[in-house]
Amino acid sequence: MGLLFGRKVRPRKFDYTPRYYDPRKDDSLKRRMRIQSRVRRRRSPIALFYLLALLLTAFYIYNALGR
């Protein structure tokens, strides 16, 4: 139907303005992300505790139903 009524398909337009690359700012961002990931790894024993608690609960239920 597009051919009969004469509406032509036109390419989409986009507006791109290049940003200034600041290496110092990029390095500081990378450093901050590395520090945050280290802090997250330090907090991981809490996740280990939850895993252990879940495992013990599952083991208890398995033994309670097995008898």
PDB file of N, CA and C in Angstrom:
ATOM      1  N   MET A   1       0.811  -1.190   0.000  1.00  0.00           N
ATOM      2  CA  MET A   1       0.000   0.000   0.000  1.00  0.00           C
ATOM      3  C   MET A   1       0.856   1.256   0.000  1.00  0.00           C
ATOM      4  N   GLY A   2       2.082   1.151   0.491  1.00  0.00           N
ATOM      5  CA  GLY A   2       2.944   2.318   0.545  1.00  0.00           C
ATOM      6  C   GLY A   2       3.322   2.833  -0.830  1.00  0.00           C
ATOM      7  N   LEU A   3       3.310   1.969  -1.804  1.00  0.00           N
ATOM      8  CA  LEU A   3       3.689   2.397  -3.146  1.00  0.00           C
ATOM      9  C   LEU A   3       2.575   3.180  -3.843  1.00  0.00           C
ATOM     10  N   LEU A   4       1.352   2.906  -3.495  1.00  0.00           N
ATOM     11  CA  LEU A   4       0.231   3.548  -4.183  1.00  0.00           C
ATOM     12  C   LEU A   4       0.039   5.010  -3.773  1.00  0.00           C
ATOM     13  N   PHE A   5       0.253   5.319  -2.515  1.00  0.00           N
ATOM     14  CA  PHE A   5      -0.083   6.648  -2.022  1.00  0.00           C
ATOM     15  C   PHE A   5       1.100   7.610  -2.002  1.00  0.00           C
ATOM     16  N   GLY A   6       2.254   7.169  -2.328  1.00  0.00           N
ATOM     17  CA  GLY A   6       3.386   8.054  -2.497  1.00  0.00           C
ATOM     18  C   GLY A   6       4.124   8.464  -1.236  1.00  0.00           C
ATOM     19  N   ARG A   7       3.817   7.853  -0.099  1.00  0.00           N
ATOM     20  CA  ARG A   7       4.575   8.184   1.106  1.00  0.00           C
ATOM     21  C   ARG A   7       5.884   7.416   1.062  1.00  0.00           C
ATOM     22  N   LYS A   8       6.986   8.137   1.056  1.00  0.00           N
ATOM     23  CA  LYS A   8       8.289   7.495   0.921  1.00  0.00           C
ATOM     24  C   LYS A   8       8.900   7.244   2.296  1.00  0.00           C
ATOM     25  N   VAL A   9       9.617   6.167   2.385  1.00  0.00           N
ATOM     26  CA  VAL A   9      10.322   5.848   3.618  1.00  0.00           C
ATOM     27  C   VAL A   9      11.613   6.635   3.625  1.00  0.00           C
ATOM     28  N   ARG A  10      11.815   7.385   4.691  1.00  0.00           N
ATOM     29  CA  ARG A  10      13.031   8.193   4.808  1.00  0.00           C
ATOM     30  C   ARG A  10      13.921   7.623   5.909  1.00  0.00           C
ATOM     31  N   PRO A  11      15.205   7.753   5.776  1.00  0.00           N
ATOM     32  CA  PRO A  11      16.085   7.262   6.845  1.00  0.00           C
ATOM     33  C   PRO A  11      15.883   8.071   8.121  1.00  0.00           C
ATOM     34  N   ARG A  12      16.038   7.398   9.247  1.00  0.00           N
ATOM     35  CA  ARG A  12      15.873   8.067  10.532  1.00  0.00           C
ATOM     36  C   ARG A  12      17.040   9.002  10.786  1.00  0.00           C
ATOM     37  N   LYS A  13      16.728  10.114  11.393  1.00  0.00           N
ATOM     38  CA  LYS A  13      17.780  11.075  11.734  1.00  0.00           C
ATOM     39  C   LYS A  13      18.157  10.889  13.199  1.00  0.00           C
ATOM     40  N   PHE A  14      19.394  11.136  13.497  1.00  0.00           N
ATOM     41  CA  PHE A  14      19.819  11.106  14.885  1.00  0.00           C
ATOM     42  C   PHE A  14      20.773  12.262  15.119  1.00  0.00           C
ATOM     43  N   ASP A  15      20.825  12.667  16.361  1.00  0.00           N
ATOM     44  CA  ASP A  15      21.654  13.805  16.735  1.00  0.00           C
ATOM     45  C   ASP A  15      22.759  13.302  17.661  1.00  0.00           C
ATOM     46  N   TYR A  16      23.993  13.402  17.235  1.00  0.00           N
ATOM     47  CA  TYR A  16      25.122  12.921  18.029  1.00  0.00           C
ATOM     48  C   TYR A  16      26.096  14.067  18.244  1.00  0.00           C
ATOM     49  N   THR A  17      26.301  14.384  19.501  1.00  0.00           N
ATOM     50  CA  THR A  17      27.313  15.391  19.827  1.00  0.00           C
ATOM     51  C   THR A  17      28.440  14.681  20.567  1.00  0.00           C
ATOM     52  N   PRO A  18      29.621  14.618  19.999  1.00  0.00           N
ATOM     53  CA  PRO A  18      30.723  13.909  20.654  1.00  0.00           C
ATOM     54  C   PRO A  18      31.113  14.583  21.963  1.00  0.00           C
ATOM     55  N   ARG A  19      31.425  13.745  22.946  1.00  0.00           N
ATOM     56  CA  ARG A  19      31.821  14.267  24.249  1.00  0.00           C
ATOM     57  C   ARG A  19      33.340  14.322  24.351  1.00  0.00           C
ATOM     58  N   TYR A  20      33.822  15.231  25.181  1.00  0.00           N
ATOM     59  CA  TYR A  20      35.254  15.349  25.414  1.00  0.00           C
ATOM     60  C   TYR A  20      35.696  14.210  26.322  1.00  0.00           C
ATOM     61  N   TYR A  21      36.751  13.516  25.944  1.00  0.00           N
ATOM     62  CA  TYR A  21      37.276  12.411  26.735  1.00  0.00           C
ATOM     63  C   TYR A  21      38.349  12.944  27.667  1.00  0.00           C
ATOM     64  N   ASP A  22      38.119  12.774  28.952  1.00  0.00           N
ATOM     65  CA  ASP A  22      39.076  13.223  29.960  1.00  0.00           C
ATOM     66  C   ASP A  22      39.700  11.983  30.609  1.00  0.00           C
ATOM     67  N   PRO A  23      40.963  11.669  30.302  1.00  0.00           N
ATOM     68  CA  PRO A  23      41.581  10.449  30.846  1.00  0.00           C
ATOM     69  C   PRO A  23      41.657  10.440  32.367  1.00  0.00           C
ATOM     70  N   ARG A  24      41.909  11.603  32.978  1.00  0.00           N
ATOM     71  CA  ARG A  24      41.993  11.633  34.446  1.00  0.00           C
ATOM     72  C   ARG A  24      40.647  11.290  35.081  1.00  0.00           C
ATOM     73  N   LYS A  25      39.592  11.823  34.509  1.00  0.00           N
ATOM     74  CA  LYS A  25      38.260  11.543  35.041  1.00  0.00           C
ATOM     75  C   LYS A  25      37.917  10.064  34.851  1.00  0.00           C
ATOM     76  N   ASP A  26      38.300   9.503  33.718  1.00  0.00           N
ATOM     77  CA  ASP A  26      38.045   8.095  33.450  1.00  0.00           C
ATOM     78  C   ASP A  26      38.830   7.212  34.417  1.00  0.00           C
ATOM     79  N   ASP A  27      40.081   7.561  34.691  1.00  0.00           N
ATOM     80  CA  ASP A  27      40.886   6.790  35.639  1.00  0.00           C
ATOM     81  C   ASP A  27      40.295   6.844  37.037  1.00  0.00           C
ATOM     82  N   SER A  28      39.826   8.018  37.452  1.00  0.00           N
ATOM     83  CA  SER A  28      39.242   8.120  38.791  1.00  0.00           C
ATOM     84  C   SER A  28      37.958   7.298  38.879  1.00  0.00           C
ATOM     85  N   LEU A  29      37.182   7.259  37.809  1.00  0.00           N
ATOM     86  CA  LEU A  29      35.966   6.448  37.801  1.00  0.00           C
ATOM     87  C   LEU A  29      36.311   4.962  37.894  1.00  0.00           C
ATOM     88  N   LYS A  30      37.322   4.524  37.153  1.00  0.00           N
ATOM     89  CA  LYS A  30      37.740   3.121  37.210  1.00  0.00           C
ATOM     90  C   LYS A  30      38.244   2.764  38.606  1.00  0.00           C
ATOM     91  N   ARG A  31      39.014   3.664  39.216  1.00  0.00           N
ATOM     92  CA  ARG A  31      39.540   3.421  40.556  1.00  0.00           C
ATOM     93  C   ARG A  31      38.403   3.284  41.566  1.00  0.00           C
ATOM     94  N   ARG A  32      37.407   4.165  41.442  1.00  0.00           N
ATOM     95  CA  ARG A  32      36.268   4.126  42.361  1.00  0.00           C
ATOM     96  C   ARG A  32      35.483   2.823  42.198  1.00  0.00           C
ATOM     97  N   MET A  33      35.328   2.359  40.970  1.00  0.00           N
ATOM     98  CA  MET A  33      34.606   1.108  40.738  1.00  0.00           C
ATOM     99  C   MET A  33      35.375  -0.082  41.298  1.00  0.00           C
ATOM    100  N   ARG A  34      36.706  -0.058  41.177  1.00  0.00           N
ATOM    101  CA  ARG A  34      37.513  -1.140  41.747  1.00  0.00           C
ATOM    102  C   ARG A  34      37.380  -1.180  43.257  1.00  0.00           C
ATOM    103  N   ILE A  35      37.391  -0.020  43.894  1.00  0.00           N
ATOM    104  CA  ILE A  35      37.266   0.044  45.351  1.00  0.00           C
ATOM    105  C   ILE A  35      35.901  -0.478  45.780  1.00  0.00           C
ATOM    106  N   GLN A  36      34.849  -0.115  45.056  1.00  0.00           N
ATOM    107  CA  GLN A  36      33.510  -0.585  45.405  1.00  0.00           C
ATOM    108  C   GLN A  36      33.410  -2.098  45.271  1.00  0.00           C
ATOM    109  N   SER A  37      34.050  -2.676  44.267  1.00  0.00           N
ATOM    110  CA  SER A  37      33.981  -4.129  44.106  1.00  0.00           C
ATOM    111  C   SER A  37      34.744  -4.823  45.231  1.00  0.00           C
ATOM    112  N   ARG A  38      35.836  -4.231  45.701  1.00  0.00           N
ATOM    113  CA  ARG A  38      36.568  -4.817  46.829  1.00  0.00           C
ATOM    114  C   ARG A  38      35.731  -4.781  48.092  1.00  0.00           C
ATOM    115  N   VAL A  39      35.014  -3.685  48.300  1.00  0.00           N
ATOM    116  CA  VAL A  39      34.164  -3.571  49.487  1.00  0.00           C
ATOM    117  C   VAL A  39      33.052  -4.612  49.415  1.00  0.00           C
ATOM    118  N   ARG A  40      32.493  -4.824  48.231  1.00  0.00           N
ATOM    119  CA  ARG A  40      31.442  -5.831  48.070  1.00  0.00           C
ATOM    120  C   ARG A  40      31.976  -7.217  48.384  1.00  0.00           C
ATOM    121  N   ARG A  41      33.201  -7.508  47.974  1.00  0.00           N
ATOM    122  CA  ARG A  41      33.782  -8.822  48.257  1.00  0.00           C
ATOM    123  C   ARG A  41      34.004  -9.010  49.746  1.00  0.00           C
ATOM    124  N   ARG A  42      34.339  -7.934  50.443  1.00  0.00           N
ATOM    125  CA  ARG A  42      34.538  -8.020  51.880  1.00  0.00           C
ATOM    126  C   ARG A  42      33.234  -8.355  52.597  1.00  0.00           C
ATOM    127  N   ARG A  43      32.120  -7.906  52.064  1.00  0.00           N
ATOM    128  CA  ARG A  43      30.827  -8.143  52.705  1.00  0.00           C
ATOM    129  C   ARG A  43      30.255  -9.512  52.366  1.00  0.00           C
ATOM    130  N   SER A  44      30.912 -10.276  51.544  1.00  0.00           N
ATOM    131  CA  SER A  44      30.363 -11.544  51.090  1.00  0.00           C
ATOM    132  C   SER A  44      30.194 -12.600  52.184  1.00  0.00           C
ATOM    133  N   PRO A  45      30.880 -12.566  53.339  1.00  0.00           N
ATOM    134  CA  PRO A  45      30.608 -13.573  54.367  1.00  0.00           C
ATOM    135  C   PRO A  45      29.149 -13.599  54.824  1.00  0.00           C
ATOM    136  N   ILE A  46      28.427 -12.500  54.678  1.00  0.00           N
ATOM    137  CA  ILE A  46      27.008 -12.504  55.027  1.00  0.00           C
ATOM    138  C   ILE A  46      26.262 -13.445  54.079  1.00  0.00           C
ATOM    139  N   ALA A  47      26.591 -13.380  52.804  1.00  0.00           N
ATOM    140  CA  ALA A  47      25.966 -14.281  51.841  1.00  0.00           C
ATOM    141  C   ALA A  47      26.336 -15.728  52.150  1.00  0.00           C
ATOM    142  N   LEU A  48      27.562 -15.952  52.574  1.00  0.00           N
ATOM    143  CA  LEU A  48      27.993 -17.296  52.946  1.00  0.00           C
ATOM    144  C   LEU A  48      27.204 -17.791  54.154  1.00  0.00           C
ATOM    145  N   PHE A  49      26.944 -16.911  55.102  1.00  0.00           N
ATOM    146  CA  PHE A  49      26.148 -17.268  56.282  1.00  0.00           C
ATOM    147  C   PHE A  49      24.737 -17.688  55.869  1.00  0.00           C
ATOM    148  N   TYR A  50      24.112 -16.928  54.970  1.00  0.00           N
ATOM    149  CA  TYR A  50      22.768 -17.279  54.507  1.00  0.00           C
ATOM    150  C   TYR A  50      22.771 -18.618  53.770  1.00  0.00           C
ATOM    151  N   LEU A  51      23.783 -18.860  52.985  1.00  0.00           N
ATOM    152  CA  LEU A  51      23.893 -20.130  52.279  1.00  0.00           C
ATOM    153  C   LEU A  51      24.024 -21.284  53.267  1.00  0.00           C
ATOM    154  N   LEU A  52      24.837 -21.107  54.282  1.00  0.00           N
ATOM    155  CA  LEU A  52      25.020 -22.137  55.294  1.00  0.00           C
ATOM    156  C   LEU A  52      23.724 -22.380  56.062  1.00  0.00           C
ATOM    157  N   ALA A  53      23.014 -21.306  56.432  1.00  0.00           N
ATOM    158  CA  ALA A  53      21.744 -21.444  57.146  1.00  0.00           C
ATOM    159  C   ALA A  53      20.713 -22.173  56.284  1.00  0.00           C
ATOM    160  N   LEU A  54      20.656 -21.845  55.017  1.00  0.00           N
ATOM    161  CA  LEU A  54      19.722 -22.515  54.114  1.00  0.00           C
ATOM    162  C   LEU A  54      20.073 -23.990  53.957  1.00  0.00           C
ATOM    163  N   LEU A  55      21.345 -24.281  53.873  1.00  0.00           N
ATOM    164  CA  LEU A  55      21.791 -25.665  53.749  1.00  0.00           C
ATOM    165  C   LEU A  55      21.449 -26.467  55.001  1.00  0.00           C
ATOM    166  N   LEU A  56      21.679 -25.894  56.168  1.00  0.00           N
ATOM    167  CA  LEU A  56      21.344 -26.584  57.418  1.00  0.00           C
ATOM    168  C   LEU A  56      19.840 -26.797  57.550  1.00  0.00           C
ATOM    169  N   THR A  57      19.049 -25.811  57.147  1.00  0.00           N
ATOM    170  CA  THR A  57      17.593 -25.953  57.200  1.00  0.00           C
ATOM    171  C   THR A  57      17.133 -27.070  56.268  1.00  0.00           C
ATOM    172  N   ALA A  58      17.674 -27.116  55.076  1.00  0.00           N
ATOM    173  CA  ALA A  58      17.309 -28.171  54.130  1.00  0.00           C
ATOM    174  C   ALA A  58      17.723 -29.542  54.665  1.00  0.00           C
ATOM    175  N   PHE A  59      18.889 -29.627  55.281  1.00  0.00           N
ATOM    176  CA  PHE A  59      19.352 -30.891  55.851  1.00  0.00           C
ATOM    177  C   PHE A  59      18.451 -31.331  56.999  1.00  0.00           C
ATOM    178  N   TYR A  60      18.021 -30.384  57.828  1.00  0.00           N
ATOM    179  CA  TYR A  60      17.127 -30.691  58.952  1.00  0.00           C
ATOM    180  C   TYR A  60      15.783 -31.207  58.436  1.00  0.00           C
ATOM    181  N   ILE A  61      15.224 -30.550  57.434  1.00  0.00           N
ATOM    182  CA  ILE A  61      13.938 -30.986  56.871  1.00  0.00           C
ATOM    183  C   ILE A  61      14.082 -32.360  56.220  1.00  0.00           C
ATOM    184  N   TYR A  62      15.187 -32.592  55.547  1.00  0.00           N
ATOM    185  CA  TYR A  62      15.431 -33.888  54.918  1.00  0.00           C
ATOM    186  C   TYR A  62      15.467 -34.998  55.964  1.00  0.00           C
ATOM    187  N   ASN A  63      16.150 -34.749  57.090  1.00  0.00           N
ATOM    188  CA  ASN A  63      16.233 -35.755  58.151  1.00  0.00           C
ATOM    189  C   ASN A  63      14.903 -35.917  58.872  1.00  0.00           C
ATOM    190  N   ALA A  64      14.162 -34.831  59.070  1.00  0.00           N
ATOM    191  CA  ALA A  64      12.889 -34.909  59.785  1.00  0.00           C
ATOM    192  C   ALA A  64      11.855 -35.686  58.970  1.00  0.00           C
ATOM    193  N   LEU A  65      11.838 -35.516  57.670  1.00  0.00           N
ATOM    194  CA  LEU A  65      10.870 -36.217  56.832  1.00  0.00           C
ATOM    195  C   LEU A  65      11.317 -37.635  56.506  1.00  0.00           C
ATOM    196  N   GLY A  66      12.582 -37.907  56.648  1.00  0.00           N
ATOM    197  CA  GLY A  66      13.109 -39.218  56.301  1.00  0.00           C
ATOM    198  C   GLY A  66      12.774 -40.285  57.319  1.00  0.00           C
ATOM    199  N   ARG A  67      12.455 -39.896  58.514  1.00  0.00           N
ATOM    200  CA  ARG A  67      12.182 -40.888  59.566  1.00  0.00           C
ATOM    201  C   ARG A  67      10.769 -41.347  59.562  1.00  0.00           C
TER     202      ARG A  67
END
